[in-house]
Amino acid sequence: KYDNATFTNCFNSGATSTGNWDDHGSGDYYFVVDY
């Protein structure tokens, strides 16, 4: 499990929230909502 980002800005009419994660090497990745 890597850092959990909390997205709030995307709830403002048409706005975008962004999360950035550093390199954790090659492999298969996915994200989980409200883990």
ModelCIF file with pLDDT and N, C-alpha, C, O atoms, coordinates in Angstrom:
data_MODEL
#
_entry.id   MODEL 
#
_entity.id                         1 
_entity.type                       polymer 
_entity.pdbx_number_of_molecules   1 
#
_entity_poly.entity_id                      1 
_entity_poly.type                           'polypeptide(L)' 
_entity_poly.nstd_linkage                   no 
_entity_poly.nstd_monomer                   no 
_entity_poly.pdbx_seq_one_letter_code       KYDNATFTNCFNSGATSTGNWDDHGSGDYYFVVDY 
_entity_poly.pdbx_seq_one_letter_code_can   KYDNATFTNCFNSGATSTGNWDDHGSGDYYFVVDY 
_entity_poly.pdbx_strand_id                 A 
#
loop_
_entity_poly_seq.entity_id 
_entity_poly_seq.num 
_entity_poly_seq.mon_id 
_entity_poly_seq.hetero 
1 1  LYS n 
1 2  TYR n 
1 3  ASP n 
1 4  ASN n 
1 5  ALA n 
1 6  THR n 
1 7  PHE n 
1 8  THR n 
1 9  ASN n 
1 10 CYS n 
1 11 PHE n 
1 12 ASN n 
1 13 SER n 
1 14 GLY n 
1 15 ALA n 
1 16 THR n 
1 17 SER n 
1 18 THR n 
1 19 GLY n 
1 20 ASN n 
1 21 TRP n 
1 22 ASP n 
1 23 ASP n 
1 24 HIS n 
1 25 GLY n 
1 26 SER n 
1 27 GLY n 
1 28 ASP n 
1 29 TYR n 
1 30 TYR n 
1 31 PHE n 
1 32 VAL n 
1 33 VAL n 
1 34 ASP n 
1 35 TYR n 
#
_struct_asym.id          A 
_struct_asym.entity_id   1 
#
loop_
_ma_qa_metric.id 
_ma_qa_metric.mode 
_ma_qa_metric.name 
_ma_qa_metric.software_group_id 
_ma_qa_metric.type 
1 global pLDDT . pLDDT 
2 local  pLDDT . pLDDT 
#
_ma_qa_metric_global.metric_id      1 
_ma_qa_metric_global.metric_value   97.20 
_ma_qa_metric_global.model_id       1 
_ma_qa_metric_global.ordinal_id     1 
#
loop_
_ma_qa_metric_local.label_asym_id 
_ma_qa_metric_local.label_comp_id 
_ma_qa_metric_local.label_seq_id 
_ma_qa_metric_local.metric_id 
_ma_qa_metric_local.metric_value 
_ma_qa_metric_local.model_id 
_ma_qa_metric_local.ordinal_id 
A LYS 1  2 97.00 1 1  
A TYR 2  2 96.00 1 2  
A ASP 3  2 94.00 1 3  
A ASN 4  2 96.00 1 4  
A ALA 5  2 98.00 1 5  
A THR 6  2 98.00 1 6  
A PHE 7  2 98.00 1 7  
A THR 8  2 98.00 1 8  
A ASN 9  2 98.00 1 9  
A CYS 10 2 98.00 1 10 
A PHE 11 2 98.00 1 11 
A ASN 12 2 98.00 1 12 
A SER 13 2 95.00 1 13 
A GLY 14 2 96.00 1 14 
A ALA 15 2 98.00 1 15 
A THR 16 2 98.00 1 16 
A SER 17 2 98.00 1 17 
A THR 18 2 98.00 1 18 
A GLY 19 2 98.00 1 19 
A ASN 20 2 98.00 1 20 
A TRP 21 2 98.00 1 21 
A ASP 22 2 96.00 1 22 
A ASP 23 2 96.00 1 23 
A HIS 24 2 95.00 1 24 
A GLY 25 2 96.00 1 25 
A SER 26 2 97.00 1 26 
A GLY 27 2 97.00 1 27 
A ASP 28 2 98.00 1 28 
A TYR 29 2 98.00 1 29 
A TYR 30 2 98.00 1 30 
A PHE 31 2 98.00 1 31 
A VAL 32 2 98.00 1 32 
A VAL 33 2 98.00 1 33 
A ASP 34 2 97.00 1 34 
A TYR 35 2 96.00 1 35 
#
loop_
_atom_site.group_PDB 
_atom_site.id 
_atom_site.type_symbol 
_atom_site.label_atom_id 
_atom_site.label_alt_id 
_atom_site.label_comp_id 
_atom_site.label_asym_id 
_atom_site.label_entity_id 
_atom_site.label_seq_id 
_atom_site.pdbx_PDB_ins_code 
_atom_site.Cartn_x 
_atom_site.Cartn_y 
_atom_site.Cartn_z 
_atom_site.occupancy 
_atom_site.B_iso_or_equiv 
_atom_site.pdbx_formal_charge 
_atom_site.auth_seq_id 
_atom_site.auth_comp_id 
_atom_site.auth_asym_id 
_atom_site.auth_atom_id 
_atom_site.pdbx_PDB_model_num 
ATOM 1   N N  . LYS A 1 1  ? 0.864   -1.191 0.000   1.00 97.00 ? 1  LYS A N  1 
ATOM 2   C CA . LYS A 1 1  ? 0.000   0.000  0.000   1.00 97.00 ? 1  LYS A CA 1 
ATOM 3   C C  . LYS A 1 1  ? 0.889   1.226  0.000   1.00 97.00 ? 1  LYS A C  1 
ATOM 4   O O  . LYS A 1 1  ? 1.822   1.324  0.797   1.00 97.00 ? 1  LYS A O  1 
ATOM 5   N N  . TYR A 1 2  ? 0.602   2.163  -0.896  1.00 96.00 ? 2  TYR A N  1 
ATOM 6   C CA . TYR A 1 2  ? 1.349   3.415  -0.937  1.00 96.00 ? 2  TYR A CA 1 
ATOM 7   C C  . TYR A 1 2  ? 0.439   4.526  -0.436  1.00 96.00 ? 2  TYR A C  1 
ATOM 8   O O  . TYR A 1 2  ? -0.730  4.287  -0.135  1.00 96.00 ? 2  TYR A O  1 
ATOM 9   N N  . ASP A 1 3  ? 0.964   5.724  -0.348  1.00 94.00 ? 3  ASP A N  1 
ATOM 10  C CA . ASP A 1 3  ? 0.230   6.850  0.227   1.00 94.00 ? 3  ASP A CA 1 
ATOM 11  C C  . ASP A 1 3  ? -1.216  6.914  -0.235  1.00 94.00 ? 3  ASP A C  1 
ATOM 12  O O  . ASP A 1 3  ? -1.541  6.634  -1.389  1.00 94.00 ? 3  ASP A O  1 
ATOM 13  N N  . ASN A 1 4  ? -2.070  7.292  0.705   1.00 96.00 ? 4  ASN A N  1 
ATOM 14  C CA . ASN A 1 4  ? -3.487  7.505  0.425   1.00 96.00 ? 4  ASN A CA 1 
ATOM 15  C C  . ASN A 1 4  ? -3.689  9.002  0.188   1.00 96.00 ? 4  ASN A C  1 
ATOM 16  O O  . ASN A 1 4  ? -3.359  9.821  1.046   1.00 96.00 ? 4  ASN A O  1 
ATOM 17  N N  . ALA A 1 5  ? -4.225  9.349  -0.963  1.00 98.00 ? 5  ALA A N  1 
ATOM 18  C CA . ALA A 1 5  ? -4.520  10.757 -1.271  1.00 98.00 ? 5  ALA A CA 1 
ATOM 19  C C  . ALA A 1 5  ? -6.006  11.002 -1.041  1.00 98.00 ? 5  ALA A C  1 
ATOM 20  O O  . ALA A 1 5  ? -6.844  10.185 -1.424  1.00 98.00 ? 5  ALA A O  1 
ATOM 21  N N  . THR A 1 6  ? -6.323  12.117 -0.423  1.00 98.00 ? 6  THR A N  1 
ATOM 22  C CA . THR A 1 6  ? -7.718  12.488 -0.227  1.00 98.00 ? 6  THR A CA 1 
ATOM 23  C C  . THR A 1 6  ? -8.080  13.543 -1.258  1.00 98.00 ? 6  THR A C  1 
ATOM 24  O O  . THR A 1 6  ? -7.539  14.648 -1.247  1.00 98.00 ? 6  THR A O  1 
ATOM 25  N N  . PHE A 1 7  ? -9.002  13.191 -2.151  1.00 98.00 ? 7  PHE A N  1 
ATOM 26  C CA . PHE A 1 7  ? -9.448  14.094 -3.208  1.00 98.00 ? 7  PHE A CA 1 
ATOM 27  C C  . PHE A 1 7  ? -10.689 14.839 -2.741  1.00 98.00 ? 7  PHE A C  1 
ATOM 28  O O  . PHE A 1 7  ? -11.698 14.222 -2.400  1.00 98.00 ? 7  PHE A O  1 
ATOM 29  N N  . THR A 1 8  ? -10.613 16.175 -2.728  1.00 98.00 ? 8  THR A N  1 
ATOM 30  C CA . THR A 1 8  ? -11.759 17.007 -2.344  1.00 98.00 ? 8  THR A CA 1 
ATOM 31  C C  . THR A 1 8  ? -12.126 18.024 -3.426  1.00 98.00 ? 8  THR A C  1 
ATOM 32  O O  . THR A 1 8  ? -13.301 18.340 -3.610  1.00 98.00 ? 8  THR A O  1 
ATOM 33  N N  . ASN A 1 9  ? -11.127 18.534 -4.137  1.00 98.00 ? 9  ASN A N  1 
ATOM 34  C CA . ASN A 1 9  ? -11.378 19.584 -5.126  1.00 98.00 ? 9  ASN A CA 1 
ATOM 35  C C  . ASN A 1 9  ? -12.318 19.135 -6.240  1.00 98.00 ? 9  ASN A C  1 
ATOM 36  O O  . ASN A 1 9  ? -13.067 19.949 -6.782  1.00 98.00 ? 9  ASN A O  1 
ATOM 37  N N  . CYS A 1 10 ? -12.287 17.848 -6.588  1.00 98.00 ? 10 CYS A N  1 
ATOM 38  C CA . CYS A 1 10 ? -13.116 17.347 -7.691  1.00 98.00 ? 10 CYS A CA 1 
ATOM 39  C C  . CYS A 1 10 ? -14.611 17.462 -7.384  1.00 98.00 ? 10 CYS A C  1 
ATOM 40  O O  . CYS A 1 10 ? -15.436 17.284 -8.281  1.00 98.00 ? 10 CYS A O  1 
ATOM 41  N N  . PHE A 1 11 ? -14.971 17.756 -6.140  1.00 98.00 ? 11 PHE A N  1 
ATOM 42  C CA . PHE A 1 11 ? -16.384 17.939 -5.776  1.00 98.00 ? 11 PHE A CA 1 
ATOM 43  C C  . PHE A 1 11 ? -16.854 19.362 -6.076  1.00 98.00 ? 11 PHE A C  1 
ATOM 44  O O  . PHE A 1 11 ? -18.045 19.654 -5.970  1.00 98.00 ? 11 PHE A O  1 
ATOM 45  N N  . ASN A 1 12 ? -15.922 20.257 -6.454  1.00 98.00 ? 12 ASN A N  1 
ATOM 46  C CA . ASN A 1 12 ? -16.277 21.615 -6.871  1.00 98.00 ? 12 ASN A CA 1 
ATOM 47  C C  . ASN A 1 12 ? -16.600 21.596 -8.354  1.00 98.00 ? 12 ASN A C  1 
ATOM 48  O O  . ASN A 1 12 ? -15.762 21.189 -9.159  1.00 98.00 ? 12 ASN A O  1 
ATOM 49  N N  . SER A 1 13 ? -17.739 22.005 -8.715  1.00 95.00 ? 13 SER A N  1 
ATOM 50  C CA . SER A 1 13 ? -18.276 22.006 -10.077 1.00 95.00 ? 13 SER A CA 1 
ATOM 51  C C  . SER A 1 13 ? -17.227 21.925 -11.194 1.00 95.00 ? 13 SER A C  1 
ATOM 52  O O  . SER A 1 13 ? -16.609 22.932 -11.541 1.00 95.00 ? 13 SER A O  1 
ATOM 53  N N  . GLY A 1 14 ? -17.029 20.732 -11.750 1.00 96.00 ? 14 GLY A N  1 
ATOM 54  C CA . GLY A 1 14 ? -16.141 20.535 -12.891 1.00 96.00 ? 14 GLY A CA 1 
ATOM 55  C C  . GLY A 1 14 ? -14.653 20.575 -12.583 1.00 96.00 ? 14 GLY A C  1 
ATOM 56  O O  . GLY A 1 14 ? -13.834 20.540 -13.501 1.00 96.00 ? 14 GLY A O  1 
ATOM 57  N N  . ALA A 1 15 ? -14.289 20.646 -11.309 1.00 98.00 ? 15 ALA A N  1 
ATOM 58  C CA . ALA A 1 15 ? -12.879 20.767 -10.931 1.00 98.00 ? 15 ALA A CA 1 
ATOM 59  C C  . ALA A 1 15 ? -12.202 19.388 -10.882 1.00 98.00 ? 15 ALA A C  1 
ATOM 60  O O  . ALA A 1 15 ? -12.860 18.348 -10.920 1.00 98.00 ? 15 ALA A O  1 
ATOM 61  N N  . THR A 1 16 ? -10.876 19.418 -10.795 1.00 98.00 ? 16 THR A N  1 
ATOM 62  C CA . THR A 1 16 ? -10.072 18.196 -10.795 1.00 98.00 ? 16 THR A CA 1 
ATOM 63  C C  . THR A 1 16 ? -9.245  18.100 -9.523  1.00 98.00 ? 16 THR A C  1 
ATOM 64  O O  . THR A 1 16 ? -8.700  19.095 -9.046  1.00 98.00 ? 16 THR A O  1 
ATOM 65  N N  . SER A 1 17 ? -9.156  16.887 -8.976  1.00 98.00 ? 17 SER A N  1 
ATOM 66  C CA . SER A 1 17 ? -8.230  16.565 -7.884  1.00 98.00 ? 17 SER A CA 1 
ATOM 67  C C  . SER A 1 17 ? -7.136  15.683 -8.446  1.00 98.00 ? 17 SER A C  1 
ATOM 68  O O  . SER A 1 17 ? -7.384  14.843 -9.310  1.00 98.00 ? 17 SER A O  1 
ATOM 69  N N  . THR A 1 18 ? -5.919  15.879 -7.949  1.00 98.00 ? 18 THR A N  1 
ATOM 70  C CA . THR A 1 18 ? -4.766  15.149 -8.476  1.00 98.00 ? 18 THR A CA 1 
ATOM 71  C C  . THR A 1 18 ? -3.956  14.550 -7.342  1.00 98.00 ? 18 THR A C  1 
ATOM 72  O O  . THR A 1 18 ? -3.696  15.204 -6.332  1.00 98.00 ? 18 THR A O  1 
ATOM 73  N N  . GLY A 1 19 ? -3.559  13.288 -7.522  1.00 98.00 ? 19 GLY A N  1 
ATOM 74  C CA . GLY A 1 19 ? -2.660  12.629 -6.586  1.00 98.00 ? 19 GLY A CA 1 
ATOM 75  C C  . GLY A 1 19 ? -1.409  12.191 -7.327  1.00 98.00 ? 19 GLY A C  1 
ATOM 76  O O  . GLY A 1 19 ? -1.488  11.718 -8.460  1.00 98.00 ? 19 GLY A O  1 
ATOM 77  N N  . ASN A 1 20 ? -0.249  12.348 -6.688  1.00 98.00 ? 20 ASN A N  1 
ATOM 78  C CA . ASN A 1 20 ? 1.035   11.976 -7.298  1.00 98.00 ? 20 ASN A CA 1 
ATOM 79  C C  . ASN A 1 20 ? 1.764   10.989 -6.398  1.00 98.00 ? 20 ASN A C  1 
ATOM 80  O O  . ASN A 1 20 ? 1.854   11.190 -5.187  1.00 98.00 ? 20 ASN A O  1 
ATOM 81  N N  . TRP A 1 21 ? 2.282   9.922  -6.996  1.00 98.00 ? 21 TRP A N  1 
ATOM 82  C CA . TRP A 1 21 ? 3.036   8.919  -6.276  1.00 98.00 ? 21 TRP A CA 1 
ATOM 83  C C  . TRP A 1 21 ? 4.401   8.767  -6.925  1.00 98.00 ? 21 TRP A C  1 
ATOM 84  O O  . TRP A 1 21 ? 4.506   8.741  -8.151  1.00 98.00 ? 21 TRP A O  1 
ATOM 85  N N  . ASP A 1 22 ? 5.454   8.666  -6.106  1.00 96.00 ? 22 ASP A N  1 
ATOM 86  C CA . ASP A 1 22 ? 6.814   8.489  -6.607  1.00 96.00 ? 22 ASP A CA 1 
ATOM 87  C C  . ASP A 1 22 ? 6.978   7.104  -7.226  1.00 96.00 ? 22 ASP A C  1 
ATOM 88  O O  . ASP A 1 22 ? 6.107   6.244  -7.091  1.00 96.00 ? 22 ASP A O  1 
ATOM 89  N N  . ASP A 1 23 ? 8.098   6.902  -7.901  1.00 96.00 ? 23 ASP A N  1 
ATOM 90  C CA . ASP A 1 23 ? 8.409   5.632  -8.542  1.00 96.00 ? 23 ASP A CA 1 
ATOM 91  C C  . ASP A 1 23 ? 8.525   4.521  -7.496  1.00 96.00 ? 23 ASP A C  1 
ATOM 92  O O  . ASP A 1 23 ? 9.258   4.652  -6.516  1.00 96.00 ? 23 ASP A O  1 
ATOM 93  N N  . HIS A 1 24 ? 7.797   3.432  -7.717  1.00 95.00 ? 24 HIS A N  1 
ATOM 94  C CA . HIS A 1 24 ? 7.885   2.260  -6.844  1.00 95.00 ? 24 HIS A CA 1 
ATOM 95  C C  . HIS A 1 24 ? 8.343   1.037  -7.632  1.00 95.00 ? 24 HIS A C  1 
ATOM 96  O O  . HIS A 1 24 ? 8.085   -0.099 -7.234  1.00 95.00 ? 24 HIS A O  1 
ATOM 97  N N  . GLY A 1 25 ? 9.027   1.279  -8.755  1.00 96.00 ? 25 GLY A N  1 
ATOM 98  C CA . GLY A 1 25 ? 9.551   0.186  -9.569  1.00 96.00 ? 25 GLY A CA 1 
ATOM 99  C C  . GLY A 1 25 ? 8.545   -0.322 -10.580 1.00 96.00 ? 25 GLY A C  1 
ATOM 100 O O  . GLY A 1 25 ? 7.389   0.099  -10.603 1.00 96.00 ? 25 GLY A O  1 
ATOM 101 N N  . SER A 1 26 ? 9.009   -1.233 -11.414 1.00 97.00 ? 26 SER A N  1 
ATOM 102 C CA . SER A 1 26 ? 8.122   -1.776 -12.440 1.00 97.00 ? 26 SER A CA 1 
ATOM 103 C C  . SER A 1 26 ? 7.182   -2.808 -11.825 1.00 97.00 ? 26 SER A C  1 
ATOM 104 O O  . SER A 1 26 ? 7.483   -3.412 -10.795 1.00 97.00 ? 26 SER A O  1 
ATOM 105 N N  . GLY A 1 27 ? 6.042   -2.996 -12.475 1.00 97.00 ? 27 GLY A N  1 
ATOM 106 C CA . GLY A 1 27 ? 5.067   -3.975 -12.004 1.00 97.00 ? 27 GLY A CA 1 
ATOM 107 C C  . GLY A 1 27 ? 3.668   -3.600 -12.428 1.00 97.00 ? 27 GLY A C  1 
ATOM 108 O O  . GLY A 1 27 ? 3.465   -2.648 -13.183 1.00 97.00 ? 27 GLY A O  1 
ATOM 109 N N  . ASP A 1 28 ? 2.702   -4.358 -11.934 1.00 98.00 ? 28 ASP A N  1 
ATOM 110 C CA . ASP A 1 28 ? 1.290   -4.086 -12.200 1.00 98.00 ? 28 ASP A CA 1 
ATOM 111 C C  . ASP A 1 28 ? 0.724   -3.303 -11.025 1.00 98.00 ? 28 ASP A C  1 
ATOM 112 O O  . ASP A 1 28 ? 0.925   -3.661 -9.865  1.00 98.00 ? 28 ASP A O  1 
ATOM 113 N N  . TYR A 1 29 ? 0.012   -2.228 -11.347 1.00 98.00 ? 29 TYR A N  1 
ATOM 114 C CA . TYR A 1 29 ? -0.529  -1.340 -10.323 1.00 98.00 ? 29 TYR A CA 1 
ATOM 115 C C  . TYR A 1 29 ? -2.038  -1.188 -10.481 1.00 98.00 ? 29 TYR A C  1 
ATOM 116 O O  . TYR A 1 29 ? -2.605  -1.494 -11.530 1.00 98.00 ? 29 TYR A O  1 
ATOM 117 N N  . TYR A 1 30 ? -2.671  -0.709 -9.414  1.00 98.00 ? 30 TYR A N  1 
ATOM 118 C CA . TYR A 1 30 ? -4.088  -0.358 -9.429  1.00 98.00 ? 30 TYR A CA 1 
ATOM 119 C C  . TYR A 1 30 ? -4.320  0.627  -8.305  1.00 98.00 ? 30 TYR A C  1 
ATOM 120 O O  . TYR A 1 30 ? -3.454  0.805  -7.448  1.00 98.00 ? 30 TYR A O  1 
ATOM 121 N N  . PHE A 1 31 ? -5.482  1.273  -8.295  1.00 98.00 ? 31 PHE A N  1 
ATOM 122 C CA . PHE A 1 31 ? -5.816  2.118  -7.153  1.00 98.00 ? 31 PHE A CA 1 
ATOM 123 C C  . PHE A 1 31 ? -7.082  1.591  -6.503  1.00 98.00 ? 31 PHE A C  1 
ATOM 124 O O  . PHE A 1 31 ? -7.894  0.912  -7.131  1.00 98.00 ? 31 PHE A O  1 
ATOM 125 N N  . VAL A 1 32 ? -7.227  1.921  -5.227  1.00 98.00 ? 32 VAL A N  1 
ATOM 126 C CA . VAL A 1 32 ? -8.392  1.502  -4.454  1.00 98.00 ? 32 VAL A CA 1 
ATOM 127 C C  . VAL A 1 32 ? -9.087  2.760  -3.945  1.00 98.00 ? 32 VAL A C  1 
ATOM 128 O O  . VAL A 1 32 ? -8.439  3.687  -3.458  1.00 98.00 ? 32 VAL A O  1 
ATOM 129 N N  . VAL A 1 33 ? -10.407 2.781  -4.062  1.00 98.00 ? 33 VAL A N  1 
ATOM 130 C CA . VAL A 1 33 ? -11.215 3.914  -3.597  1.00 98.00 ? 33 VAL A CA 1 
ATOM 131 C C  . VAL A 1 33 ? -11.611 3.669  -2.142  1.00 98.00 ? 33 VAL A C  1 
ATOM 132 O O  . VAL A 1 33 ? -12.137 2.609  -1.801  1.00 98.00 ? 33 VAL A O  1 
ATOM 133 N N  . ASP A 1 34 ? -11.352 4.663  -1.289  1.00 97.00 ? 34 ASP A N  1 
ATOM 134 C CA . ASP A 1 34 ? -11.742 4.618  0.127   1.00 97.00 ? 34 ASP A CA 1 
ATOM 135 C C  . ASP A 1 34 ? -11.328 3.317  0.806   1.00 97.00 ? 34 ASP A C  1 
ATOM 136 O O  . ASP A 1 34 ? -12.137 2.670  1.471   1.00 97.00 ? 34 ASP A O  1 
ATOM 137 N N  . TYR A 1 35 ? -10.057 2.936  0.632   1.00 96.00 ? 35 TYR A N  1 
ATOM 138 C CA . TYR A 1 35 ? -9.547  1.675  1.175   1.00 96.00 ? 35 TYR A CA 1 
ATOM 139 C C  . TYR A 1 35 ? -9.752  1.590  2.688   1.00 96.00 ? 35 TYR A C  1 
ATOM 140 O O  . TYR A 1 35 ? -9.379  0.592  3.306   1.00 96.00 ? 35 TYR A O  1 
#
